[in-house]
Amino acid sequence: MLNAIAGVIPLDLGRIILDGKEIQCQREHIRAGSIGRLFHDPMMGAAASMTIEENRFGIAQGEAFKL
């Protein structure tokens, strides 16, 4: 589903509407201006000891996570 929304794979049927505008016919590089994705495995990175929620917000033991 996320690949279809991002434009990586085309839809067989249906529509994708973003901010009231149909985007299913837009090419992937055009959609990239409105849709961002981050590919990472939190267990392999610098935040392996953090929970999913902490990782999402960059919080480690109540403090801001700094790289």
PDB file of N, CA and C in Angstrom:
ATOM      1  N   MET A   1       0.813  -1.178   0.000  1.00  0.00           N
ATOM      2  CA  MET A   1       0.000   0.000   0.000  1.00  0.00           C
ATOM      3  C   MET A   1       0.869   1.258   0.000  1.00  0.00           C
ATOM      4  N   LEU A   2       1.902   1.276   0.828  1.00  0.00           N
ATOM      5  CA  LEU A   2       2.760   2.461   0.877  1.00  0.00           C
ATOM      6  C   LEU A   2       3.480   2.685  -0.444  1.00  0.00           C
ATOM      7  N   ASN A   3       3.883   1.609  -1.108  1.00  0.00           N
ATOM      8  CA  ASN A   3       4.519   1.753  -2.419  1.00  0.00           C
ATOM      9  C   ASN A   3       3.542   2.308  -3.443  1.00  0.00           C
ATOM     10  N   ALA A   4       2.277   1.919  -3.365  1.00  0.00           N
ATOM     11  CA  ALA A   4       1.268   2.465  -4.280  1.00  0.00           C
ATOM     12  C   ALA A   4       1.052   3.950  -4.002  1.00  0.00           C
ATOM     13  N   ILE A   5       0.979   4.329  -2.755  1.00  0.00           N
ATOM     14  CA  ILE A   5       0.793   5.742  -2.401  1.00  0.00           C
ATOM     15  C   ILE A   5       1.984   6.574  -2.875  1.00  0.00           C
ATOM     16  N   ALA A   6       3.178   6.034  -2.715  1.00  0.00           N
ATOM     17  CA  ALA A   6       4.391   6.765  -3.114  1.00  0.00           C
ATOM     18  C   ALA A   6       4.610   6.773  -4.624  1.00  0.00           C
ATOM     19  N   GLY A   7       3.876   5.913  -5.354  1.00  0.00           N
ATOM     20  CA  GLY A   7       4.014   5.883  -6.803  1.00  0.00           C
ATOM     21  C   GLY A   7       5.032   4.882  -7.312  1.00  0.00           C
ATOM     22  N   VAL A   8       5.530   4.016  -6.438  1.00  0.00           N
ATOM     23  CA  VAL A   8       6.501   3.005  -6.845  1.00  0.00           C
ATOM     24  C   VAL A   8       5.823   1.947  -7.715  1.00  0.00           C
ATOM     25  N   ILE A   9       4.610   1.558  -7.328  1.00  0.00           N
ATOM     26  CA  ILE A   9       3.840   0.613  -8.130  1.00  0.00           C
ATOM     27  C   ILE A   9       2.531   1.272  -8.549  1.00  0.00           C
ATOM     28  N   PRO A  10       2.073   1.003  -9.784  1.00  0.00           N
ATOM     29  CA  PRO A  10       0.834   1.618 -10.259  1.00  0.00           C
ATOM     30  C   PRO A  10      -0.406   0.927  -9.687  1.00  0.00           C
ATOM     31  N   LEU A  11      -1.498   1.644  -9.643  1.00  0.00           N
ATOM     32  CA  LEU A  11      -2.766   1.072  -9.200  1.00  0.00           C
ATOM     33  C   LEU A  11      -3.438   0.333 -10.346  1.00  0.00           C
ATOM     34  N   ASP A  12      -4.107  -0.768 -10.019  1.00  0.00           N
ATOM     35  CA  ASP A  12      -4.948  -1.447 -11.003  1.00  0.00           C
ATOM     36  C   ASP A  12      -6.301  -0.748 -11.088  1.00  0.00           C
ATOM     37  N   LEU A  13      -6.766  -0.275  -9.951  1.00  0.00           N
ATOM     38  CA  LEU A  13      -8.006   0.490  -9.901  1.00  0.00           C
ATOM     39  C   LEU A  13      -8.027   1.277  -8.606  1.00  0.00           C
ATOM     40  N   GLY A  14      -8.891   2.239  -8.529  1.00  0.00           N
ATOM     41  CA  GLY A  14      -9.007   3.073  -7.342  1.00  0.00           C
ATOM     42  C   GLY A  14      -8.304   4.412  -7.519  1.00  0.00           C
ATOM     43  N   ARG A  15      -8.356   5.192  -6.460  1.00  0.00           N
ATOM     44  CA  ARG A  15      -7.764   6.531  -6.487  1.00  0.00           C
ATOM     45  C   ARG A  15      -6.938   6.754  -5.235  1.00  0.00           C
ATOM     46  N   ILE A  16      -5.964   7.634  -5.341  1.00  0.00           N
ATOM     47  CA  ILE A  16      -5.191   8.093  -4.185  1.00  0.00           C
ATOM     48  C   ILE A  16      -5.392   9.600  -4.134  1.00  0.00           C
ATOM     49  N   ILE A  17      -5.945  10.059  -3.027  1.00  0.00           N
ATOM     50  CA  ILE A  17      -6.254  11.485  -2.872  1.00  0.00           C
ATOM     51  C   ILE A  17      -5.419  12.042  -1.724  1.00  0.00           C
ATOM     52  N   LEU A  18      -4.666  13.084  -2.018  1.00  0.00           N
ATOM     53  CA  LEU A  18      -3.839  13.755  -1.026  1.00  0.00           C
ATOM     54  C   LEU A  18      -4.226  15.226  -1.008  1.00  0.00           C
ATOM     55  N   ASP A  19      -4.634  15.710   0.141  1.00  0.00           N
ATOM     56  CA  ASP A  19      -5.082  17.099   0.289  1.00  0.00           C
ATOM     57  C   ASP A  19      -6.149  17.461  -0.737  1.00  0.00           C
ATOM     58  N   GLY A  20      -7.083  16.510  -0.992  1.00  0.00           N
ATOM     59  CA  GLY A  20      -8.194  16.763  -1.902  1.00  0.00           C
ATOM     60  C   GLY A  20      -7.838  16.674  -3.380  1.00  0.00           C
ATOM     61  N   LYS A  21      -6.610  16.287  -3.699  1.00  0.00           N
ATOM     62  CA  LYS A  21      -6.148  16.217  -5.089  1.00  0.00           C
ATOM     63  C   LYS A  21      -5.782  14.776  -5.432  1.00  0.00           C
ATOM     64  N   GLU A  22      -6.291  14.284  -6.563  1.00  0.00           N
ATOM     65  CA  GLU A  22      -5.955  12.930  -7.001  1.00  0.00           C
ATOM     66  C   GLU A  22      -4.511  12.900  -7.471  1.00  0.00           C
ATOM     67  N   ILE A  23      -3.741  11.954  -6.939  1.00  0.00           N
ATOM     68  CA  ILE A  23      -2.318  11.896  -7.280  1.00  0.00           C
ATOM     69  C   ILE A  23      -1.917  10.574  -7.932  1.00  0.00           C
ATOM     70  N   GLN A  24      -2.853   9.647  -8.136  1.00  0.00           N
ATOM     71  CA  GLN A  24      -2.485   8.326  -8.652  1.00  0.00           C
ATOM     72  C   GLN A  24      -1.872   8.367 -10.048  1.00  0.00           C
ATOM     73  N   CYS A  25      -2.073   9.420 -10.796  1.00  0.00           N
ATOM     74  CA  CYS A  25      -1.471   9.525 -12.129  1.00  0.00           C
ATOM     75  C   CYS A  25      -0.127  10.267 -12.103  1.00  0.00           C
ATOM     76  N   GLN A  26       0.223  10.843 -10.965  1.00  0.00           N
ATOM     77  CA  GLN A  26       1.508  11.543 -10.870  1.00  0.00           C
ATOM     78  C   GLN A  26       2.651  10.533 -10.797  1.00  0.00           C
ATOM     79  N   ARG A  27       3.764  10.867 -11.396  1.00  0.00           N
ATOM     80  CA  ARG A  27       4.943  10.011 -11.345  1.00  0.00           C
ATOM     81  C   ARG A  27       5.575  10.087  -9.946  1.00  0.00           C
ATOM     82  N   GLU A  28       6.340   9.076  -9.628  1.00  0.00           N
ATOM     83  CA  GLU A  28       6.928   8.956  -8.290  1.00  0.00           C
ATOM     84  C   GLU A  28       7.744  10.188  -7.902  1.00  0.00           C
ATOM     85  N   HIS A  29       8.553  10.716  -8.792  1.00  0.00           N
ATOM     86  CA  HIS A  29       9.396  11.866  -8.428  1.00  0.00           C
ATOM     87  C   HIS A  29       8.567  13.124  -8.173  1.00  0.00           C
ATOM     88  N   ILE A  30       7.398  13.218  -8.769  1.00  0.00           N
ATOM     89  CA  ILE A  30       6.502  14.349  -8.495  1.00  0.00           C
ATOM     90  C   ILE A  30       5.872  14.186  -7.111  1.00  0.00           C
ATOM     91  N   ARG A  31       5.408  12.982  -6.816  1.00  0.00           N
ATOM     92  CA  ARG A  31       4.802  12.717  -5.496  1.00  0.00           C
ATOM     93  C   ARG A  31       5.805  12.926  -4.369  1.00  0.00           C
ATOM     94  N   ALA A  32       7.073  12.706  -4.644  1.00  0.00           N
ATOM     95  CA  ALA A  32       8.103  12.824  -3.607  1.00  0.00           C
ATOM     96  C   ALA A  32       8.149  14.217  -2.991  1.00  0.00           C
ATOM     97  N   GLY A  33       7.652  15.217  -3.705  1.00  0.00           N
ATOM     98  CA  GLY A  33       7.600  16.563  -3.154  1.00  0.00           C
ATOM     99  C   GLY A  33       6.570  16.712  -2.042  1.00  0.00           C
ATOM    100  N   SER A  34       5.621  15.759  -1.974  1.00  0.00           N
ATOM    101  CA  SER A  34       4.563  15.812  -0.964  1.00  0.00           C
ATOM    102  C   SER A  34       4.589  14.653   0.012  1.00  0.00           C
ATOM    103  N   ILE A  35       5.296  13.588  -0.355  1.00  0.00           N
ATOM    104  CA  ILE A  35       5.301  12.377   0.460  1.00  0.00           C
ATOM    105  C   ILE A  35       6.746  12.021   0.783  1.00  0.00           C
ATOM    106  N   GLY A  36       7.032  11.865   2.052  1.00  0.00           N
ATOM    107  CA  GLY A  36       8.378  11.462   2.444  1.00  0.00           C
ATOM    108  C   GLY A  36       8.352  10.107   3.120  1.00  0.00           C
ATOM    109  N   ARG A  37       9.360   9.299   2.848  1.00  0.00           N
ATOM    110  CA  ARG A  37       9.483   8.002   3.508  1.00  0.00           C
ATOM    111  C   ARG A  37      10.906   7.848   4.001  1.00  0.00           C
ATOM    112  N   LEU A  38      11.025   7.125   5.082  1.00  0.00           N
ATOM    113  CA  LEU A  38      12.332   6.862   5.663  1.00  0.00           C
ATOM    114  C   LEU A  38      12.461   5.359   5.840  1.00  0.00           C
ATOM    115  N   PHE A  39      13.473   4.764   5.234  1.00  0.00           N
ATOM    116  CA  PHE A  39      13.705   3.343   5.333  1.00  0.00           C
ATOM    117  C   PHE A  39      14.829   3.113   6.331  1.00  0.00           C
ATOM    118  N   HIS A  40      14.495   2.477   7.427  1.00  0.00           N
ATOM    119  CA  HIS A  40      15.528   2.160   8.409  1.00  0.00           C
ATOM    120  C   HIS A  40      15.046   1.054   9.317  1.00  0.00           C
ATOM    121  N   ASP A  41      15.978   0.381   9.905  1.00  0.00           N
ATOM    122  CA  ASP A  41      15.701  -0.650  10.892  1.00  0.00           C
ATOM    123  C   ASP A  41      16.204  -0.117  12.221  1.00  0.00           C
ATOM    124  N   PRO A  42      15.297   0.273  13.123  1.00  0.00           N
ATOM    125  CA  PRO A  42      15.736   0.881  14.383  1.00  0.00           C
ATOM    126  C   PRO A  42      16.625  -0.036  15.215  1.00  0.00           C
ATOM    127  N   MET A  43      16.535  -1.350  15.004  1.00  0.00           N
ATOM    128  CA  MET A  43      17.366  -2.279  15.766  1.00  0.00           C
ATOM    129  C   MET A  43      18.813  -2.297  15.268  1.00  0.00           C
ATOM    130  N   MET A  44      19.066  -1.753  14.090  1.00  0.00           N
ATOM    131  CA  MET A  44      20.413  -1.734  13.535  1.00  0.00           C
ATOM    132  C   MET A  44      21.092  -0.368  13.692  1.00  0.00           C
ATOM    133  N   GLY A  45      20.357   0.631  14.110  1.00  0.00           N
ATOM    134  CA  GLY A  45      20.900   1.978  14.168  1.00  0.00           C
ATOM    135  C   GLY A  45      21.404   2.371  15.542  1.00  0.00           C
ATOM    136  N   ALA A  46      21.599   3.671  15.707  1.00  0.00           N
ATOM    137  CA  ALA A  46      22.132   4.218  16.957  1.00  0.00           C
ATOM    138  C   ALA A  46      21.118   4.162  18.086  1.00  0.00           C
ATOM    139  N   ALA A  47      19.855   3.894  17.765  1.00  0.00           N
ATOM    140  CA  ALA A  47      18.797   3.924  18.769  1.00  0.00           C
ATOM    141  C   ALA A  47      18.251   2.528  19.066  1.00  0.00           C
ATOM    142  N   ALA A  48      19.074   1.506  18.970  1.00  0.00           N
ATOM    143  CA  ALA A  48      18.612   0.127  19.145  1.00  0.00           C
ATOM    144  C   ALA A  48      17.998  -0.140  20.515  1.00  0.00           C
ATOM    145  N   SER A  49      18.418   0.591  21.534  1.00  0.00           N
ATOM    146  CA  SER A  49      17.894   0.355  22.882  1.00  0.00           C
ATOM    147  C   SER A  49      16.607   1.125  23.155  1.00  0.00           C
ATOM    148  N   MET A  50      16.183   1.955  22.223  1.00  0.00           N
ATOM    149  CA  MET A  50      14.986   2.766  22.419  1.00  0.00           C
ATOM    150  C   MET A  50      13.738   2.017  21.975  1.00  0.00           C
ATOM    151  N   THR A  51      12.582   2.358  22.572  1.00  0.00           N
ATOM    152  CA  THR A  51      11.314   1.803  22.120  1.00  0.00           C
ATOM    153  C   THR A  51      10.957   2.430  20.779  1.00  0.00           C
ATOM    154  N   ILE A  52       9.956   1.870  20.118  1.00  0.00           N
ATOM    155  CA  ILE A  52       9.502   2.441  18.846  1.00  0.00           C
ATOM    156  C   ILE A  52       9.052   3.882  19.052  1.00  0.00           C
ATOM    157  N   GLU A  53       8.315   4.148  20.128  1.00  0.00           N
ATOM    158  CA  GLU A  53       7.839   5.510  20.398  1.00  0.00           C
ATOM    159  C   GLU A  53       9.010   6.456  20.657  1.00  0.00           C
ATOM    160  N   GLU A  54       9.970   6.036  21.443  1.00  0.00           N
ATOM    161  CA  GLU A  54      11.133   6.877  21.715  1.00  0.00           C
ATOM    162  C   GLU A  54      11.913   7.143  20.429  1.00  0.00           C
ATOM    163  N   ASN A  55      12.069   6.114  19.610  1.00  0.00           N
ATOM    164  CA  ASN A  55      12.792   6.247  18.358  1.00  0.00           C
ATOM    165  C   ASN A  55      12.089   7.237  17.443  1.00  0.00           C
ATOM    166  N   ARG A  56      10.766   7.168  17.380  1.00  0.00           N
ATOM    167  CA  ARG A  56       9.999   8.065  16.518  1.00  0.00           C
ATOM    168  C   ARG A  56      10.205   9.523  16.907  1.00  0.00           C
ATOM    169  N   PHE A  57      10.240   9.788  18.201  1.00  0.00           N
ATOM    170  CA  PHE A  57      10.356  11.163  18.667  1.00  0.00           C
ATOM    171  C   PHE A  57      11.785  11.552  19.046  1.00  0.00           C
ATOM    172  N   GLY A  58      12.722  10.620  18.937  1.00  0.00           N
ATOM    173  CA  GLY A  58      14.115  10.926  19.245  1.00  0.00           C
ATOM    174  C   GLY A  58      14.349  11.181  20.721  1.00  0.00           C
ATOM    175  N   ILE A  59      13.679  10.399  21.563  1.00  0.00           N
ATOM    176  CA  ILE A  59      13.797  10.598  23.006  1.00  0.00           C
ATOM    177  C   ILE A  59      14.534   9.408  23.612  1.00  0.00           C
ATOM    178  N   ALA A  60      15.562   9.656  24.358  1.00  0.00           N
ATOM    179  CA  ALA A  60      16.277   8.589  25.062  1.00  0.00           C
ATOM    180  C   ALA A  60      16.275   8.906  26.548  1.00  0.00           C
ATOM    181  N   GLN A  61      15.621   8.099  27.332  1.00  0.00           N
ATOM    182  CA  GLN A  61      15.554   8.251  28.778  1.00  0.00           C
ATOM    183  C   GLN A  61      15.151   9.658  29.187  1.00  0.00           C
ATOM    184  N   GLY A  62      14.122  10.190  28.492  1.00  0.00           N
ATOM    185  CA  GLY A  62      13.579  11.498  28.864  1.00  0.00           C
ATOM    186  C   GLY A  62      14.331  12.666  28.290  1.00  0.00           C
ATOM    187  N   GLU A  63      15.425  12.443  27.589  1.00  0.00           N
ATOM    188  CA  GLU A  63      16.201  13.549  27.006  1.00  0.00           C
ATOM    189  C   GLU A  63      16.171  13.450  25.494  1.00  0.00           C
ATOM    190  N   ALA A  64      16.425  14.535  24.826  1.00  0.00           N
ATOM    191  CA  ALA A  64      16.489  14.542  23.363  1.00  0.00           C
ATOM    192  C   ALA A  64      17.654  13.673  22.924  1.00  0.00           C
ATOM    193  N   PHE A  65      17.419  12.845  21.933  1.00  0.00           N
ATOM    194  CA  PHE A  65      18.454  11.974  21.381  1.00  0.00           C
ATOM    195  C   PHE A  65      19.329  12.797  20.457  1.00  0.00           C
ATOM    196  N   LYS A  66      20.619  12.783  20.686  1.00  0.00           N
ATOM    197  CA  LYS A  66      21.542  13.577  19.891  1.00  0.00           C
ATOM    198  C   LYS A  66      22.499  12.670  19.151  1.00  0.00           C
ATOM    199  N   LEU A  67      22.724  12.940  17.865  1.00  0.00           N
ATOM    200  CA  LEU A  67      23.676  12.158  17.087  1.00  0.00           C
ATOM    201  C   LEU A  67      25.054  12.774  17.182  1.00  0.00           C
TER     202      LEU A  67
END
